[in-house]
Each structure stands twice: as C-alpha cells, then as structure tokens.
C-alpha cells in the first residue's frame, strides 16, 4: 500500500510496509498509487510537487508474480499508472531508497528527477533474465531517460545490476547521496526549490509529454507541443 501526505506545496507519496515489504506491483498497490496520484492531481495548485519514497530495503521489486492477477493484467495496470505519472500536473521526484528492479525501476523512471542512496540498493531491468518481453511502454520509458546507446544496451539487453554512482553515469539517476537520510533530504530540498517556481501544472504536464512523444504515443496520450 501507499500513503499520501501533503506538506505545504509538497505531496509526499510513501510506499508503506513493515520493513521487509518488497513493494511488488500487484493490483492492490497499483490501485493505491493511482488513487494517490488522482488525489494529488485533484488538489494541485501552482507550485505543487510530488516526492515518492519507500519504506524498507526495497523501493520496488517489480511485478508481484504471487498474485491472482495475470502478467497481462499487471502490464496493463502499470501502463495506466505510467500514463498518470506522465500526465501529473506538477514536477515529480523519486528518491530510490532501496532496490528498484524491473517494473520497480520503471516506477522510479516515471519521475522527472531521480535520486538514489549509495549505501544500499541496486537497479536492474531483469526481464531478459526472466524470459519476459518488456512491454512497449517500458522500452520507450527507458529510451526517454537513457541517452547513451551502450547504456540502453546494457540495461535492456544485458539486464545489468548497477549501484548509485554507475546509475548516475548511465543516466538512470540524477544524483547519488551517501545514505537514505541525505537522499530524502536532497529530494525535499529539490521539492522546495521547484515549489518556489509556482509553475502552471497543466502547462508543465504538456511540456513533459512533448519531451517524450514516442512514449506518449504508446501510452495513448495526446499532447500539444509547446516547446
């Protein structure tokens, strides 16, 4: 499950658990995240910002295969969630506070800014190792974030596991911090700086979509380029 807390202009979305929860994506968690996004969008104003973190040693360990949901149902549900992140009328920040694997890494990359702690956590798109075909929106999400061809190859075709500093070099992460506390503090500071801009959220969302037309196309999102 997740919680949504409003702190001034900042919406803090937390993937909650008992410390050992892997935050695997099933229909319950996906619905909870989508409900939080809907609530944040409904109550957004100029200057709103979303910050996402997770409790425990995992940020998100991908799809939950121990559920009654089929993989096709999960893929479609996550597709809707990604579309809602891309359409959210505010800047978004993810602080990767633990491992982010497969669709869990995709969840982090839905955000405009991605921070990570150095002392714990691995990133990997492990579908190639599991014999799973990455959905088209997953490929386009990675392509929208990772510019270097060799990094794309290693992430998608080798399923490499990377730590924070390497993730920065590859373009998966913007900034690496020493530990969880400093990473969350960095995310909060960026949230405060972005909130001061008091941008028009709807315009911001349109410009975000204009930056990733191929991703928006596979997500079924229309946009009006304003760049």
C-alpha atoms as a PDB file:
ATOM      1  CA  UNK A   1       0.000   0.000   0.000  1.00  0.00           C
ATOM      2  CA  UNK A   2       0.996   3.653  -0.061  1.00  0.00           C
ATOM      3  CA  UNK A   3       0.201   6.860   1.751  1.00  0.00           C
ATOM      4  CA  UNK A   4      -0.063  10.449   0.543  1.00  0.00           C
ATOM      5  CA  UNK A   5       0.822  13.321   2.850  1.00  0.00           C
ATOM      6  CA  UNK A   6       0.535  16.993   1.938  1.00  0.00           C
ATOM      7  CA  UNK A   7       3.225  19.277   3.333  1.00  0.00           C
ATOM      8  CA  UNK A   8       2.520  22.752   2.023  1.00  0.00           C
ATOM      9  CA  UNK A   9       3.019  22.527  -1.745  1.00  0.00           C
ATOM     10  CA  UNK A  10       4.720  19.123  -1.460  1.00  0.00           C
ATOM     11  CA  UNK A  11       2.843  15.836  -1.826  1.00  0.00           C
ATOM     12  CA  UNK A  12       4.826  13.024  -0.175  1.00  0.00           C
ATOM     13  CA  UNK A  13       3.906   9.607  -1.624  1.00  0.00           C
ATOM     14  CA  UNK A  14       5.308   6.781   0.520  1.00  0.00           C
ATOM     15  CA  UNK A  15       5.254   3.081  -0.351  1.00  0.00           C
ATOM     16  CA  UNK A  16       4.479   1.737   3.104  1.00  0.00           C
ATOM     17  CA  UNK A  17       5.296  -1.593   4.716  1.00  0.00           C
ATOM     18  CA  UNK A  18       6.679  -3.465   7.688  1.00  0.00           C
ATOM     19  CA  UNK A  19      10.342  -3.039   6.783  1.00  0.00           C
ATOM     20  CA  UNK A  20      10.591  -6.282   4.816  1.00  0.00           C
ATOM     21  CA  UNK A  21       7.911  -5.414   2.258  1.00  0.00           C
ATOM     22  CA  UNK A  22       9.311  -5.555  -1.295  1.00  0.00           C
ATOM     23  CA  UNK A  23       6.544  -3.281  -2.622  1.00  0.00           C
ATOM     24  CA  UNK A  24       5.881  -5.634  -5.506  1.00  0.00           C
ATOM     25  CA  UNK A  25       3.386  -4.304  -8.008  1.00  0.00           C
ATOM     26  CA  UNK A  26       0.037  -6.053  -7.786  1.00  0.00           C
ATOM     27  CA  UNK A  27      -3.454  -4.713  -8.383  1.00  0.00           C
ATOM     28  CA  UNK A  28      -3.755  -3.549  -4.748  1.00  0.00           C
ATOM     29  CA  UNK A  29      -0.554  -1.490  -4.717  1.00  0.00           C
ATOM     30  CA  UNK A  30      -1.076  -0.173  -8.254  1.00  0.00           C
ATOM     31  CA  UNK A  31      -4.605   0.944  -7.365  1.00  0.00           C
ATOM     32  CA  UNK A  32      -3.308   2.585  -4.194  1.00  0.00           C
ATOM     33  CA  UNK A  33      -0.653   4.535  -6.127  1.00  0.00           C
ATOM     34  CA  UNK A  34      -3.136   5.576  -8.806  1.00  0.00           C
ATOM     35  CA  UNK A  35      -5.572   6.750  -6.146  1.00  0.00           C
ATOM     36  CA  UNK A  36      -2.802   8.840  -4.551  1.00  0.00           C
ATOM     37  CA  UNK A  37      -1.908  10.373  -7.931  1.00  0.00           C
ATOM     38  CA  UNK A  38      -5.565  11.197  -8.560  1.00  0.00           C
ATOM     39  CA  UNK A  39      -5.812  12.845  -5.148  1.00  0.00           C
ATOM     40  CA  UNK A  40      -2.624  14.865  -5.712  1.00  0.00           C
ATOM     41  CA  UNK A  41      -3.827  15.973  -9.141  1.00  0.00           C
ATOM     42  CA  UNK A  42      -7.242  16.954  -7.791  1.00  0.00           C
ATOM     43  CA  UNK A  43      -5.738  19.122  -5.031  1.00  0.00           C
ATOM     44  CA  UNK A  44      -2.804  20.500  -7.016  1.00  0.00           C
ATOM     45  CA  UNK A  45      -2.117  24.222  -7.296  1.00  0.00           C
ATOM     46  CA  UNK A  46       0.594  26.320  -8.922  1.00  0.00           C
ATOM     47  CA  UNK A  47       3.780  25.212  -7.189  1.00  0.00           C
ATOM     48  CA  UNK A  48       2.713  21.654  -6.312  1.00  0.00           C
ATOM     49  CA  UNK A  49       5.411  18.951  -6.352  1.00  0.00           C
ATOM     50  CA  UNK A  50       5.262  15.159  -5.834  1.00  0.00           C
ATOM     51  CA  UNK A  51       8.037  13.287  -3.993  1.00  0.00           C
ATOM     52  CA  UNK A  52       7.992   9.461  -3.899  1.00  0.00           C
ATOM     53  CA  UNK A  53       9.917   7.348  -1.377  1.00  0.00           C
ATOM     54  CA  UNK A  54       9.563   3.835   0.076  1.00  0.00           C
ATOM     55  CA  UNK A  55       9.925   2.225   3.476  1.00  0.00           C
ATOM     56  CA  UNK A  56      12.247  -0.739   3.945  1.00  0.00           C
ATOM     57  CA  UNK A  57      15.153  -2.100   1.911  1.00  0.00           C
ATOM     58  CA  UNK A  58      13.222  -2.172  -1.381  1.00  0.00           C
ATOM     59  CA  UNK A  59      11.974   0.779  -3.375  1.00  0.00           C
ATOM     60  CA  UNK A  60      10.005  -1.631  -5.570  1.00  0.00           C
ATOM     61  CA  UNK A  61      10.881  -5.195  -6.577  1.00  0.00           C
ATOM     62  CA  UNK A  62       8.873  -5.270  -9.794  1.00  0.00           C
ATOM     63  CA  UNK A  63       5.753  -7.286 -10.563  1.00  0.00           C
ATOM     64  CA  UNK A  64       4.139  -9.486  -7.943  1.00  0.00           C
ATOM     65  CA  UNK A  65       4.039 -12.957  -9.505  1.00  0.00           C
ATOM     66  CA  UNK A  66       2.379 -14.464  -6.409  1.00  0.00           C
ATOM     67  CA  UNK A  67      -0.992 -12.929  -7.076  1.00  0.00           C
ATOM     68  CA  UNK A  68      -4.206 -13.863  -8.819  1.00  0.00           C
ATOM     69  CA  UNK A  69      -3.515 -11.127 -11.384  1.00  0.00           C
ATOM     70  CA  UNK A  70      -2.126 -12.363 -14.688  1.00  0.00           C
ATOM     71  CA  UNK A  71       1.050 -10.776 -16.051  1.00  0.00           C
ATOM     72  CA  UNK A  72      -1.016  -9.252 -18.855  1.00  0.00           C
ATOM     73  CA  UNK A  73      -3.355  -7.635 -16.342  1.00  0.00           C
ATOM     74  CA  UNK A  74      -0.412  -6.251 -14.379  1.00  0.00           C
ATOM     75  CA  UNK A  75       1.249  -4.897 -17.518  1.00  0.00           C
ATOM     76  CA  UNK A  76      -1.942  -3.068 -18.491  1.00  0.00           C
ATOM     77  CA  UNK A  77      -2.475  -1.715 -14.981  1.00  0.00           C
ATOM     78  CA  UNK A  78       1.089  -0.412 -14.805  1.00  0.00           C
ATOM     79  CA  UNK A  79       0.650   1.145 -18.251  1.00  0.00           C
ATOM     80  CA  UNK A  80      -2.258   3.186 -16.873  1.00  0.00           C
ATOM     81  CA  UNK A  81      -0.155   4.155 -13.849  1.00  0.00           C
ATOM     82  CA  UNK A  82       2.748   5.309 -16.027  1.00  0.00           C
ATOM     83  CA  UNK A  83       0.352   7.392 -18.136  1.00  0.00           C
ATOM     84  CA  UNK A  84      -0.951   9.062 -14.979  1.00  0.00           C
ATOM     85  CA  UNK A  85       2.566   9.893 -13.778  1.00  0.00           C
ATOM     86  CA  UNK A  86       3.405  11.421 -17.179  1.00  0.00           C
ATOM     87  CA  UNK A  87       0.155  13.415 -17.094  1.00  0.00           C
ATOM     88  CA  UNK A  88       0.510  14.606 -13.499  1.00  0.00           C
ATOM     89  CA  UNK A  89       0.270  18.427 -13.403  1.00  0.00           C
ATOM     90  CA  UNK A  90       3.360  19.011 -11.272  1.00  0.00           C
ATOM     91  CA  UNK A  91       7.092  18.179 -11.144  1.00  0.00           C
ATOM     92  CA  UNK A  92       7.858  14.732  -9.739  1.00  0.00           C
ATOM     93  CA  UNK A  93      10.851  13.426  -7.782  1.00  0.00           C
ATOM     94  CA  UNK A  94      11.674   9.818  -6.905  1.00  0.00           C
ATOM     95  CA  UNK A  95      14.144   9.020  -4.134  1.00  0.00           C
ATOM     96  CA  UNK A  96      15.234   5.408  -4.654  1.00  0.00           C
ATOM     97  CA  UNK A  97      15.613   4.321  -1.047  1.00  0.00           C
ATOM     98  CA  UNK A  98      16.283   0.647  -1.827  1.00  0.00           C
ATOM     99  CA  UNK A  99      16.407  -1.894  -4.635  1.00  0.00           C
ATOM    100  CA  UNK A 100      14.417  -0.988  -7.764  1.00  0.00           C
ATOM    101  CA  UNK A 101      14.061  -3.980 -10.072  1.00  0.00           C
ATOM    102  CA  UNK A 102      12.173  -4.475 -13.341  1.00  0.00           C
ATOM    103  CA  UNK A 103       8.883  -2.603 -13.257  1.00  0.00           C
ATOM    104  CA  UNK A 104      10.084  -1.100  -9.968  1.00  0.00           C
ATOM    105  CA  UNK A 105      12.841   0.712 -11.836  1.00  0.00           C
ATOM    106  CA  UNK A 106      10.213   1.764 -14.357  1.00  0.00           C
ATOM    107  CA  UNK A 107       8.198   3.245 -11.483  1.00  0.00           C
ATOM    108  CA  UNK A 108      11.176   5.366 -10.457  1.00  0.00           C
ATOM    109  CA  UNK A 109      11.837   6.480 -14.034  1.00  0.00           C
ATOM    110  CA  UNK A 110       8.272   7.791 -14.346  1.00  0.00           C
ATOM    111  CA  UNK A 111       9.515  10.766 -12.317  1.00  0.00           C
ATOM    112  CA  UNK A 112      11.200  13.889 -13.651  1.00  0.00           C
ATOM    113  CA  UNK A 113      14.050  13.713 -11.129  1.00  0.00           C
ATOM    114  CA  UNK A 114      15.557  10.512  -9.725  1.00  0.00           C
ATOM    115  CA  UNK A 115      17.847  10.424  -6.686  1.00  0.00           C
ATOM    116  CA  UNK A 116      19.437   7.371  -5.057  1.00  0.00           C
ATOM    117  CA  UNK A 117      21.369   6.389  -1.947  1.00  0.00           C
ATOM    118  CA  UNK A 118      24.883   4.963  -2.311  1.00  0.00           C
ATOM    119  CA  UNK A 119      24.961   2.734   0.757  1.00  0.00           C
ATOM    120  CA  UNK A 120      22.153   0.396  -0.303  1.00  0.00           C
ATOM    121  CA  UNK A 121      20.233  -0.546  -3.404  1.00  0.00           C
ATOM    122  CA  UNK A 122      20.603  -1.969  -6.894  1.00  0.00           C
ATOM    123  CA  UNK A 123      18.861  -1.042 -10.130  1.00  0.00           C
ATOM    124  CA  UNK A 124      18.097  -3.583 -12.842  1.00  0.00           C
ATOM    125  CA  UNK A 125      15.705  -4.272 -15.693  1.00  0.00           C
ATOM    126  CA  UNK A 126      15.824  -8.043 -15.229  1.00  0.00           C
ATOM    127  CA  UNK A 127      13.203  -9.111 -17.770  1.00  0.00           C
ATOM    128  CA  UNK A 128      15.853 -10.614 -20.064  1.00  0.00           C
ATOM    129  CA  UNK A 129      16.889 -12.975 -17.250  1.00  0.00           C
ATOM    130  CA  UNK A 130      13.301 -13.970 -16.503  1.00  0.00           C
ATOM    131  CA  UNK A 131      12.408 -14.610 -20.139  1.00  0.00           C
ATOM    132  CA  UNK A 132       9.835 -11.814 -20.165  1.00  0.00           C
ATOM    133  CA  UNK A 133       9.183  -9.433 -23.027  1.00  0.00           C
ATOM    134  CA  UNK A 134       9.397  -5.824 -21.899  1.00  0.00           C
ATOM    135  CA  UNK A 135       6.170  -4.009 -22.885  1.00  0.00           C
ATOM    136  CA  UNK A 136       6.477  -1.279 -25.490  1.00  0.00           C
ATOM    137  CA  UNK A 137       5.811   1.491 -22.981  1.00  0.00           C
ATOM    138  CA  UNK A 138       8.592   0.084 -20.764  1.00  0.00           C
ATOM    139  CA  UNK A 139      11.089   0.264 -23.624  1.00  0.00           C
ATOM    140  CA  UNK A 140      10.041   3.814 -24.509  1.00  0.00           C
ATOM    141  CA  UNK A 141      10.216   4.889 -20.865  1.00  0.00           C
ATOM    142  CA  UNK A 142      13.843   3.716 -20.672  1.00  0.00           C
ATOM    143  CA  UNK A 143      14.664   5.300 -24.043  1.00  0.00           C
ATOM    144  CA  UNK A 144      13.172   8.596 -22.901  1.00  0.00           C
ATOM    145  CA  UNK A 145      15.519   8.649 -19.898  1.00  0.00           C
ATOM    146  CA  UNK A 146      18.730   6.964 -21.079  1.00  0.00           C
ATOM    147  CA  UNK A 147      20.533   8.712 -23.924  1.00  0.00           C
ATOM    148  CA  UNK A 148      23.724   6.649 -24.282  1.00  0.00           C
ATOM    149  CA  UNK A 149      23.334   3.713 -26.690  1.00  0.00           C
ATOM    150  CA  UNK A 150      25.686   1.486 -24.701  1.00  0.00           C
ATOM    151  CA  UNK A 151      23.757   2.199 -21.525  1.00  0.00           C
ATOM    152  CA  UNK A 152      20.486   1.275 -23.238  1.00  0.00           C
ATOM    153  CA  UNK A 153      22.073  -1.973 -24.447  1.00  0.00           C
ATOM    154  CA  UNK A 154      23.386  -2.863 -21.003  1.00  0.00           C
ATOM    155  CA  UNK A 155      20.130  -2.010 -19.232  1.00  0.00           C
ATOM    156  CA  UNK A 156      17.741  -3.714 -21.670  1.00  0.00           C
ATOM    157  CA  UNK A 157      19.765  -6.474 -23.348  1.00  0.00           C
ATOM    158  CA  UNK A 158      22.111  -7.469 -20.524  1.00  0.00           C
ATOM    159  CA  UNK A 159      19.945  -6.733 -17.508  1.00  0.00           C
ATOM    160  CA  UNK A 160      22.949  -5.385 -15.613  1.00  0.00           C
ATOM    161  CA  UNK A 161      22.695  -4.607 -11.907  1.00  0.00           C
ATOM    162  CA  UNK A 162      24.015  -1.157 -11.113  1.00  0.00           C
ATOM    163  CA  UNK A 163      24.691   0.799  -7.940  1.00  0.00           C
ATOM    164  CA  UNK A 164      24.112   4.500  -7.455  1.00  0.00           C
ATOM    165  CA  UNK A 165      27.282   6.040  -8.916  1.00  0.00           C
ATOM    166  CA  UNK A 166      27.190   3.850 -12.020  1.00  0.00           C
ATOM    167  CA  UNK A 167      23.492   4.639 -12.375  1.00  0.00           C
ATOM    168  CA  UNK A 168      24.359   8.358 -12.476  1.00  0.00           C
ATOM    169  CA  UNK A 169      26.962   7.718 -15.193  1.00  0.00           C
ATOM    170  CA  UNK A 170      24.440   5.720 -17.222  1.00  0.00           C
ATOM    171  CA  UNK A 171      21.772   8.411 -16.922  1.00  0.00           C
ATOM    172  CA  UNK A 172      19.328   6.372 -14.838  1.00  0.00           C
ATOM    173  CA  UNK A 173      19.808   8.568 -11.772  1.00  0.00           C
ATOM    174  CA  UNK A 174      20.446  12.308 -11.450  1.00  0.00           C
ATOM    175  CA  UNK A 175      22.261  12.461  -8.103  1.00  0.00           C
ATOM    176  CA  UNK A 176      23.690   9.836  -5.717  1.00  0.00           C
ATOM    177  CA  UNK A 177      23.710  10.555  -1.976  1.00  0.00           C
ATOM    178  CA  UNK A 178      25.620   8.793   0.780  1.00  0.00           C
ATOM    179  CA  UNK A 179      22.649   7.308   2.633  1.00  0.00           C
ATOM    180  CA  UNK A 180      18.867   7.243   2.904  1.00  0.00           C
ATOM    181  CA  UNK A 181      18.629  10.314   5.107  1.00  0.00           C
ATOM    182  CA  UNK A 182      20.713  12.541   2.841  1.00  0.00           C
ATOM    183  CA  UNK A 183      18.917  11.265  -0.275  1.00  0.00           C
ATOM    184  CA  UNK A 184      15.491  12.055   1.183  1.00  0.00           C
ATOM    185  CA  UNK A 185      16.748  15.452   2.363  1.00  0.00           C
ATOM    186  CA  UNK A 186      18.036  16.118  -1.160  1.00  0.00           C
ATOM    187  CA  UNK A 187      14.654  15.235  -2.592  1.00  0.00           C
ATOM    188  CA  UNK A 188      12.886  17.508  -0.125  1.00  0.00           C
ATOM    189  CA  UNK A 189      15.256  20.391  -0.938  1.00  0.00           C
ATOM    190  CA  UNK A 190      14.631  19.980  -4.657  1.00  0.00           C
ATOM    191  CA  UNK A 191      10.906  19.812  -3.985  1.00  0.00           C
ATOM    192  CA  UNK A 192      11.069  23.102  -2.088  1.00  0.00           C
ATOM    193  CA  UNK A 193      13.072  24.750  -4.880  1.00  0.00           C
ATOM    194  CA  UNK A 194      10.643  23.571  -7.553  1.00  0.00           C
ATOM    195  CA  UNK A 195       7.652  24.665  -5.482  1.00  0.00           C
ATOM    196  CA  UNK A 196       9.048  28.212  -5.372  1.00  0.00           C
ATOM    197  CA  UNK A 197       8.701  28.402  -9.160  1.00  0.00           C
ATOM    198  CA  UNK A 198       4.902  28.184  -8.843  1.00  0.00           C
ATOM    199  CA  UNK A 199       4.618  26.820 -12.375  1.00  0.00           C
ATOM    200  CA  UNK A 200       1.323  26.167 -14.098  1.00  0.00           C
ATOM    201  CA  UNK A 201       0.892  22.423 -13.601  1.00  0.00           C
ATOM    202  CA  UNK A 202      -1.142  21.760 -16.726  1.00  0.00           C
ATOM    203  CA  UNK A 203       1.449  23.521 -18.871  1.00  0.00           C
ATOM    204  CA  UNK A 204       4.204  21.592 -17.124  1.00  0.00           C
ATOM    205  CA  UNK A 205       2.487  18.288 -17.911  1.00  0.00           C
ATOM    206  CA  UNK A 206       2.068  19.245 -21.572  1.00  0.00           C
ATOM    207  CA  UNK A 207       5.766  20.108 -21.848  1.00  0.00           C
ATOM    208  CA  UNK A 208       6.715  16.817 -20.175  1.00  0.00           C
ATOM    209  CA  UNK A 209       4.671  14.961 -22.775  1.00  0.00           C
ATOM    210  CA  UNK A 210       6.254  16.970 -25.594  1.00  0.00           C
ATOM    211  CA  UNK A 211       9.693  15.783 -24.448  1.00  0.00           C
ATOM    212  CA  UNK A 212       8.699  12.111 -24.902  1.00  0.00           C
ATOM    213  CA  UNK A 213       6.397  11.842 -27.940  1.00  0.00           C
ATOM    214  CA  UNK A 214       7.153   8.158 -28.596  1.00  0.00           C
ATOM    215  CA  UNK A 215       6.356   7.245 -25.002  1.00  0.00           C
ATOM    216  CA  UNK A 216       3.143   9.267 -25.118  1.00  0.00           C
ATOM    217  CA  UNK A 217       2.167   7.555 -28.360  1.00  0.00           C
ATOM    218  CA  UNK A 218       2.372   4.034 -26.921  1.00  0.00           C
ATOM    219  CA  UNK A 219       0.599   5.226 -23.759  1.00  0.00           C
ATOM    220  CA  UNK A 220      -2.235   6.659 -25.843  1.00  0.00           C
ATOM    221  CA  UNK A 221      -1.625  10.182 -24.554  1.00  0.00           C
ATOM    222  CA  UNK A 222      -2.240  13.173 -26.787  1.00  0.00           C
ATOM    223  CA  UNK A 223      -0.225  16.335 -26.277  1.00  0.00           C
ATOM    224  CA  UNK A 224       0.134  19.804 -27.741  1.00  0.00           C
ATOM    225  CA  UNK A 225       3.845  20.648 -28.156  1.00  0.00           C
ATOM    226  CA  UNK A 226       4.648  23.966 -26.532  1.00  0.00           C
ATOM    227  CA  UNK A 227       8.459  23.940 -26.867  1.00  0.00           C
END
